[in-house]
Amino acid sequence: NYMPQNIRLEESAGGTCQVGGKITNALNGQAIANATIRFRENHGNQTGAYVKNSDGSVLSLTTSSNGSFYTVALPAGYYTMEISCDGFITGYADVVSGTNSSVCGTQNASITPVLPEGQYRIVLTWGENPRDLDSHITGPRSDGSEFHVYFSNMNAYDGNHHVVNLDVDDISSYGPETITLNPSTNGTYRYFIYHYSGSGSISTSS
């Protein structure tokens, strides 16, 4: 599911910025080749018209077969990036084009492989700072006890049933940090984020 990023840059008066970054598999953090990327104007826009080229065709690009990076010149403003690829759930991420070229070039995104019915996946991405944000999840087992999964306890079981897996633990900025949940019983499951190290804060981390 889409969660907007809080990216705020001073926009230039006209002009373009070379927007780019990397596209990764949320399940393992690896590059995704041949992913298709399109853009819509404004943040959080999943259904509007795509941005077009000067000839009226839809602006569309594809990540290379030997890497996950994308790059595109966009007029100053706010955009929603749509990423699709065979075998993956279509994903969305906010990007911005403006005067800060270093930020324009580090707007990463992750998409997740299609999930079996009854499973859920939580994907955390952020900016350069803080360096390390940690995902935690707690929830019930059928015997009434509770599990707590995080970087030093990456799996939880309910008997032989594998309830939760911390698929990717990222400690060097950006993410993804990914949890897959396969509930074994009804109850309340809580996901939370801990600022483990690095400057800045969760609220300024994008």
Protein backbone atom coordinates (compact mmCIF):
# COMPACT_ATOMS: atom_id res chain seq x y z
CA ASN A 1 0.00 0.00 0.00
CA TYR A 2 0.98 3.61 -0.59
CA MET A 3 2.29 5.79 2.21
CA PRO A 4 3.24 9.37 1.26
CA GLN A 5 6.71 10.66 1.92
CA ASN A 6 7.16 14.05 3.54
CA ILE A 7 9.57 15.49 0.95
CA ARG A 8 9.67 19.28 0.85
CA LEU A 9 12.15 21.13 -1.37
CA GLU A 10 12.24 24.66 -2.65
CA GLU A 11 11.03 24.49 -6.22
CA SER A 12 12.91 26.34 -8.92
CA ALA A 13 11.13 28.90 -11.05
CA GLY A 14 10.83 26.71 -14.09
CA GLY A 15 13.62 24.44 -15.23
CA THR A 16 14.06 20.73 -14.57
CA CYS A 17 15.91 18.44 -12.21
CA GLN A 18 17.38 15.04 -13.01
CA VAL A 19 15.22 12.86 -10.74
CA GLY A 20 16.56 9.39 -10.08
CA GLY A 21 17.23 6.62 -7.63
CA LYS A 22 17.09 2.86 -7.30
CA ILE A 23 14.21 0.39 -7.47
CA THR A 24 14.55 -2.67 -5.27
CA ASN A 25 12.73 -5.84 -4.32
CA ALA A 26 11.24 -5.26 -0.86
CA LEU A 27 11.64 -8.95 -0.01
CA ASN A 28 15.42 -9.07 -0.39
CA GLY A 29 16.67 -5.56 -1.18
CA GLN A 30 18.00 -6.62 -4.60
CA ALA A 31 17.76 -4.66 -7.84
CA ILE A 32 14.67 -5.10 -10.01
CA ALA A 33 15.39 -5.23 -13.73
CA ASN A 34 12.85 -4.31 -16.41
CA ALA A 35 10.47 -2.49 -14.07
CA THR A 36 8.27 0.11 -15.79
CA ILE A 37 8.07 3.59 -14.25
CA ARG A 38 5.49 6.28 -15.00
CA PHE A 39 4.66 9.57 -13.29
CA ARG A 40 1.58 11.55 -12.29
CA GLU A 41 1.56 15.16 -11.12
CA ASN A 42 1.18 15.87 -7.38
CA HIS A 43 1.86 13.61 -4.42
CA GLY A 44 -0.49 10.75 -3.58
CA ASN A 45 -1.97 10.68 -7.10
CA GLN A 46 -2.53 7.03 -8.08
CA THR A 47 -5.33 7.45 -10.63
CA GLY A 48 -4.81 10.69 -12.55
CA ALA A 49 -3.40 11.20 -16.02
CA TYR A 50 0.22 10.22 -16.60
CA VAL A 51 2.85 12.85 -17.32
CA LYS A 52 3.45 13.02 -21.07
CA ASN A 53 6.33 13.81 -23.38
CA SER A 54 6.25 16.82 -25.66
CA ASP A 55 4.89 14.64 -28.49
CA GLY A 56 1.87 13.58 -26.39
CA SER A 57 3.10 10.07 -25.59
CA VAL A 58 3.18 8.87 -21.97
CA LEU A 59 6.52 9.41 -20.27
CA SER A 60 7.67 5.89 -19.44
CA LEU A 61 11.04 4.40 -18.59
CA THR A 62 12.37 0.95 -17.73
CA THR A 63 15.05 -0.06 -15.25
CA SER A 64 18.01 -1.70 -16.96
CA SER A 65 18.53 -5.43 -17.14
CA ASN A 66 21.77 -5.18 -15.15
CA GLY A 67 20.71 -2.69 -12.48
CA SER A 68 17.85 -1.01 -10.69
CA PHE A 69 18.56 2.66 -11.27
CA TYR A 70 16.24 5.08 -13.03
CA THR A 71 16.81 8.68 -14.08
CA VAL A 72 14.52 11.20 -15.76
CA ALA A 73 14.39 14.96 -16.24
CA LEU A 74 11.20 16.39 -14.71
CA PRO A 75 10.02 20.00 -14.49
CA ALA A 76 10.11 21.41 -10.96
CA GLY A 77 7.18 20.12 -8.93
CA TYR A 78 5.75 17.19 -7.01
CA TYR A 79 5.00 13.81 -8.58
CA THR A 80 3.76 10.31 -7.80
CA MET A 81 5.93 7.60 -9.31
CA GLU A 82 4.22 4.35 -10.31
CA ILE A 83 6.40 1.21 -10.52
CA SER A 84 5.13 -2.00 -12.11
CA CYS A 85 6.80 -5.30 -12.99
CA ASP A 86 5.65 -8.85 -13.73
CA GLY A 87 5.27 -10.83 -10.51
CA PHE A 88 5.17 -7.72 -8.31
CA ILE A 89 2.42 -5.61 -6.76
CA THR A 90 2.35 -2.19 -8.43
CA GLY A 91 3.90 0.35 -6.05
CA TYR A 92 3.81 4.12 -5.64
CA ALA A 93 6.25 6.66 -4.21
CA ASP A 94 6.33 10.43 -3.91
CA VAL A 95 9.17 12.17 -5.74
CA VAL A 96 10.01 15.84 -6.15
CA SER A 97 11.88 17.85 -8.76
CA GLY A 98 13.42 21.10 -7.62
CA THR A 99 16.64 22.95 -6.95
CA ASN A 100 18.34 20.38 -4.72
CA SER A 101 20.00 18.10 -7.27
CA SER A 102 21.58 15.83 -4.64
CA VAL A 103 18.16 14.95 -3.21
CA CYS A 104 16.60 14.67 -6.67
CA GLY A 105 19.07 11.90 -7.44
CA THR A 106 18.39 9.76 -4.34
CA GLN A 107 14.65 9.12 -4.52
CA ASN A 108 14.47 5.37 -4.11
CA ALA A 109 11.51 3.01 -4.04
CA SER A 110 10.73 -0.65 -3.40
CA ILE A 111 7.98 -2.92 -4.64
CA THR A 112 6.99 -6.29 -3.25
CA PRO A 113 6.43 -9.63 -4.97
CA VAL A 114 2.79 -10.75 -5.14
CA LEU A 115 1.71 -12.23 -1.81
CA PRO A 116 -0.21 -15.45 -1.16
CA GLU A 117 -3.72 -14.94 0.18
CA GLY A 118 -3.74 -14.27 3.92
CA GLN A 119 -0.22 -12.87 4.09
CA TYR A 120 0.77 -9.24 4.64
CA ARG A 121 3.98 -7.34 4.03
CA ILE A 122 5.16 -4.09 5.64
CA VAL A 123 7.88 -2.19 3.77
CA LEU A 124 9.72 0.70 5.43
CA THR A 125 11.78 3.13 3.34
CA TRP A 126 13.24 6.50 4.34
CA GLY A 127 15.90 9.04 3.40
CA GLU A 128 19.61 9.32 4.12
CA ASN A 129 19.02 10.28 7.75
CA PRO A 130 18.60 8.77 10.27
CA ARG A 131 21.04 6.09 9.19
CA ASP A 132 19.18 3.23 10.87
CA LEU A 133 15.45 2.90 11.53
CA ASP A 134 14.29 -0.44 12.92
CA SER A 135 11.00 -2.23 12.31
CA HIS A 136 9.31 -4.02 15.22
CA ILE A 137 6.13 -6.08 15.23
CA THR A 138 4.27 -7.77 18.08
CA GLY A 139 1.25 -10.05 18.07
CA PRO A 140 -0.50 -13.04 19.60
CA ARG A 141 0.14 -16.76 19.44
CA SER A 142 -2.68 -19.27 19.81
CA ASP A 143 -1.53 -20.22 23.34
CA GLY A 144 -2.01 -16.63 24.55
CA SER A 145 1.65 -15.66 24.53
CA GLU A 146 2.98 -12.79 22.40
CA PHE A 147 5.84 -12.63 19.91
CA HIS A 148 8.14 -9.65 19.28
CA VAL A 149 10.13 -9.63 16.04
CA TYR A 150 12.92 -7.13 15.33
CA PHE A 151 16.58 -7.14 14.24
CA SER A 152 17.86 -9.45 17.02
CA ASN A 153 14.84 -11.81 16.86
CA MET A 154 13.99 -12.02 13.18
CA ASN A 155 11.43 -14.87 13.18
CA ALA A 156 8.41 -15.94 15.20
CA TYR A 157 6.56 -19.27 15.18
CA ASP A 158 3.26 -20.50 16.56
CA GLY A 159 4.02 -24.19 16.91
CA ASN A 160 5.17 -25.17 13.40
CA HIS A 161 3.47 -22.18 11.80
CA HIS A 162 5.91 -19.45 10.67
CA VAL A 163 4.04 -16.30 11.74
CA VAL A 164 6.51 -13.48 11.05
CA ASN A 165 9.81 -12.99 9.25
CA LEU A 166 12.01 -9.89 9.19
CA ASP A 167 13.04 -10.33 5.56
CA VAL A 168 15.42 -7.37 5.28
CA ASP A 169 17.14 -5.42 8.06
CA ASP A 170 18.69 -2.25 6.61
CA ILE A 171 21.28 -0.34 8.68
CA SER A 172 22.70 2.10 6.12
CA SER A 173 19.92 4.54 5.18
CA TYR A 174 17.04 4.40 2.70
CA GLY A 175 15.78 0.84 3.30
CA PRO A 176 13.88 -1.20 2.44
CA GLU A 177 13.33 -2.83 5.82
CA THR A 178 10.69 -5.47 5.32
CA ILE A 179 8.46 -7.69 7.46
CA THR A 180 6.19 -10.48 6.17
CA LEU A 181 3.29 -11.48 8.42
CA ASN A 182 1.32 -14.72 8.12
CA PRO A 183 -1.12 -14.56 11.08
CA SER A 184 -1.95 -17.75 12.95
CA THR A 185 -4.72 -16.40 15.16
CA ASN A 186 -7.09 -13.46 15.54
CA GLY A 187 -5.93 -10.60 17.71
CA THR A 188 -4.12 -7.29 17.71
CA TYR A 189 -0.87 -6.95 15.77
CA ARG A 190 1.24 -3.83 16.35
CA TYR A 191 3.94 -2.48 14.03
CA PHE A 192 6.25 0.27 15.20
CA ILE A 193 9.47 2.00 14.18
CA TYR A 194 12.45 2.72 16.43
CA HIS A 195 15.11 5.35 15.67
CA TYR A 196 18.18 3.23 16.33
CA SER A 197 21.03 5.46 15.14
CA GLY A 198 21.96 8.48 13.03
CA SER A 199 21.02 12.13 12.88
CA GLY A 200 17.58 13.56 12.30
CA SER A 201 14.35 11.99 13.46
CA ILE A 202 11.56 9.73 12.24
CA SER A 203 9.40 12.77 11.46
CA THR A 204 12.08 14.26 9.18
CA SER A 205 13.21 10.97 7.62
CA SER A 206 10.84 10.98 4.62
